[in-house]
Amino acid sequence: MLRITCLSLLSIVSLALLAAAAGCDGTSPSPASRLRTPPTEVSGAALKGRFVSGTAALYSYTGGARSARPLATTLLSGAGGYRFEVFTTAPVLCVEVTSGAYIDEATGAQVRLAQGQT
């Protein structure tokens, strides 16, 4: 009888481990990731003329105040494009170009942003 009980217990434990492992194949999201807020994607193009280089920074605004540090930064593409993917619940987001150069539409000349200019 003891031998039958041990085999039955071993069978139950084996089945439980097998069932648990079936959900761990790398394709199923973990319970923690299902509870997470999906990422927010922010994309566009910087314009003051066409930007040819630069860095874009993404800031959040809460209660009318801009965050002291950016949520993310990225380099602009050659056409002035940017793309961010961040996890945030901030109701308002703002993109600022903090460095780089653009083509002045009136003259066609390349203009560099001054230190501190956005």
Protein backbone atom coordinates (compact mmCIF):
# COMPACT_ATOMS: atom_id res chain seq x y z
CA MET A 1 0.00 0.00 0.00
CA LEU A 2 2.83 2.41 0.79
CA ARG A 3 4.35 1.71 -2.61
CA ILE A 4 1.04 2.52 -4.37
CA THR A 5 0.67 5.78 -2.41
CA CYS A 6 4.19 6.89 -3.30
CA LEU A 7 3.65 6.15 -6.99
CA SER A 8 0.33 7.99 -6.97
CA LEU A 9 1.90 11.01 -5.24
CA LEU A 10 4.80 10.93 -7.70
CA SER A 11 2.34 10.79 -10.62
CA ILE A 12 0.37 13.77 -9.27
CA VAL A 13 3.54 15.84 -8.74
CA SER A 14 4.80 14.92 -12.21
CA LEU A 15 1.53 15.94 -13.83
CA ALA A 16 1.50 19.24 -11.91
CA LEU A 17 5.06 20.05 -13.02
CA LEU A 18 4.24 19.09 -16.60
CA ALA A 19 1.16 21.33 -16.61
CA ALA A 20 3.15 24.23 -15.16
CA ALA A 21 5.95 23.78 -17.69
CA ALA A 22 3.48 23.75 -20.59
CA GLY A 23 2.82 27.45 -20.06
CA CYS A 24 6.55 28.29 -19.92
CA ASP A 25 7.51 27.84 -23.56
CA GLY A 26 8.59 31.45 -23.99
CA THR A 27 5.59 32.40 -26.10
CA SER A 28 3.10 33.01 -23.31
CA PRO A 29 3.30 36.31 -21.45
CA SER A 30 4.05 36.09 -17.77
CA PRO A 31 1.30 37.15 -15.34
CA ALA A 32 3.35 40.22 -14.39
CA SER A 33 3.67 41.39 -18.02
CA ARG A 34 -0.10 41.07 -18.55
CA LEU A 35 -0.69 43.56 -15.72
CA ARG A 36 1.80 46.10 -17.10
CA THR A 37 0.61 49.15 -19.01
CA PRO A 38 1.30 48.75 -22.75
CA PRO A 39 4.02 51.01 -24.14
CA THR A 40 3.14 54.43 -25.50
CA GLU A 41 4.56 55.16 -28.94
CA VAL A 42 5.37 58.73 -29.87
CA SER A 43 6.69 59.44 -33.35
CA GLY A 44 6.87 62.35 -35.75
CA ALA A 45 9.25 64.79 -37.38
CA ALA A 46 10.95 67.90 -36.04
CA LEU A 47 10.28 70.95 -38.17
CA LYS A 48 11.71 74.45 -38.20
CA GLY A 49 12.75 73.87 -41.70
CA ARG A 50 13.92 70.28 -42.24
CA PHE A 51 16.15 69.00 -39.43
CA VAL A 52 19.21 67.20 -40.76
CA SER A 53 20.63 66.23 -37.35
CA GLY A 54 19.82 66.56 -33.69
CA THR A 55 18.62 64.98 -30.49
CA ALA A 56 14.97 64.76 -29.48
CA ALA A 57 13.92 64.47 -25.83
CA LEU A 58 10.52 63.26 -24.63
CA TYR A 59 9.16 64.93 -21.46
CA SER A 60 6.03 64.31 -19.44
CA TYR A 61 3.79 67.02 -18.01
CA THR A 62 1.93 66.41 -14.77
CA GLY A 63 -0.12 69.12 -13.09
CA GLY A 64 1.08 71.64 -15.68
CA ALA A 65 4.76 71.11 -14.84
CA ARG A 66 7.33 69.53 -17.16
CA SER A 67 9.40 66.66 -15.77
CA ALA A 68 12.95 67.67 -14.81
CA ARG A 69 14.44 64.76 -16.72
CA PRO A 70 13.31 63.38 -20.07
CA LEU A 71 11.57 60.02 -20.20
CA ALA A 72 13.76 59.17 -23.20
CA THR A 73 16.05 60.70 -25.81
CA THR A 74 16.81 59.66 -29.36
CA LEU A 75 18.80 60.89 -32.35
CA LEU A 76 16.83 62.38 -35.22
CA SER A 77 16.90 60.58 -38.55
CA GLY A 78 18.33 62.39 -41.56
CA ALA A 79 14.80 63.57 -42.36
CA GLY A 80 14.21 64.87 -38.82
CA GLY A 81 12.14 61.88 -37.70
CA TYR A 82 11.98 60.54 -34.17
CA ARG A 83 10.33 57.58 -32.46
CA PHE A 84 9.94 56.80 -28.77
CA GLU A 85 8.40 53.79 -27.08
CA VAL A 86 8.01 54.35 -23.34
CA PHE A 87 6.00 52.98 -20.46
CA THR A 88 4.17 55.96 -18.99
CA THR A 89 0.76 56.97 -17.75
CA ALA A 90 1.47 60.70 -18.03
CA PRO A 91 -1.53 62.50 -19.57
CA VAL A 92 0.58 64.98 -21.58
CA LEU A 93 3.86 64.38 -23.42
CA CYS A 94 6.08 66.88 -25.20
CA VAL A 95 8.99 66.38 -27.62
CA GLU A 96 11.79 68.96 -27.66
CA VAL A 97 14.73 69.03 -30.06
CA THR A 98 17.69 69.97 -27.90
CA SER A 99 20.55 70.09 -30.41
CA GLY A 100 21.24 69.76 -34.08
CA ALA A 101 20.82 71.62 -37.34
CA TYR A 102 18.02 72.40 -39.76
CA ILE A 103 17.71 73.84 -43.25
CA ASP A 104 16.33 77.38 -43.20
CA GLU A 105 13.38 77.47 -45.61
CA ALA A 106 13.95 81.07 -46.67
CA THR A 107 17.67 80.89 -47.43
CA GLY A 108 18.41 77.18 -47.83
CA ALA A 109 21.31 77.59 -45.38
CA GLN A 110 21.99 75.08 -42.64
CA VAL A 111 21.39 76.60 -39.19
CA ARG A 112 22.68 75.04 -35.97
CA LEU A 113 20.64 75.33 -32.76
CA ALA A 114 22.43 77.47 -30.19
CA GLN A 115 23.34 76.03 -26.77
CA GLY A 116 20.10 75.85 -24.74
CA GLN A 117 17.87 76.62 -27.74
CA THR A 118 14.99 74.19 -28.35
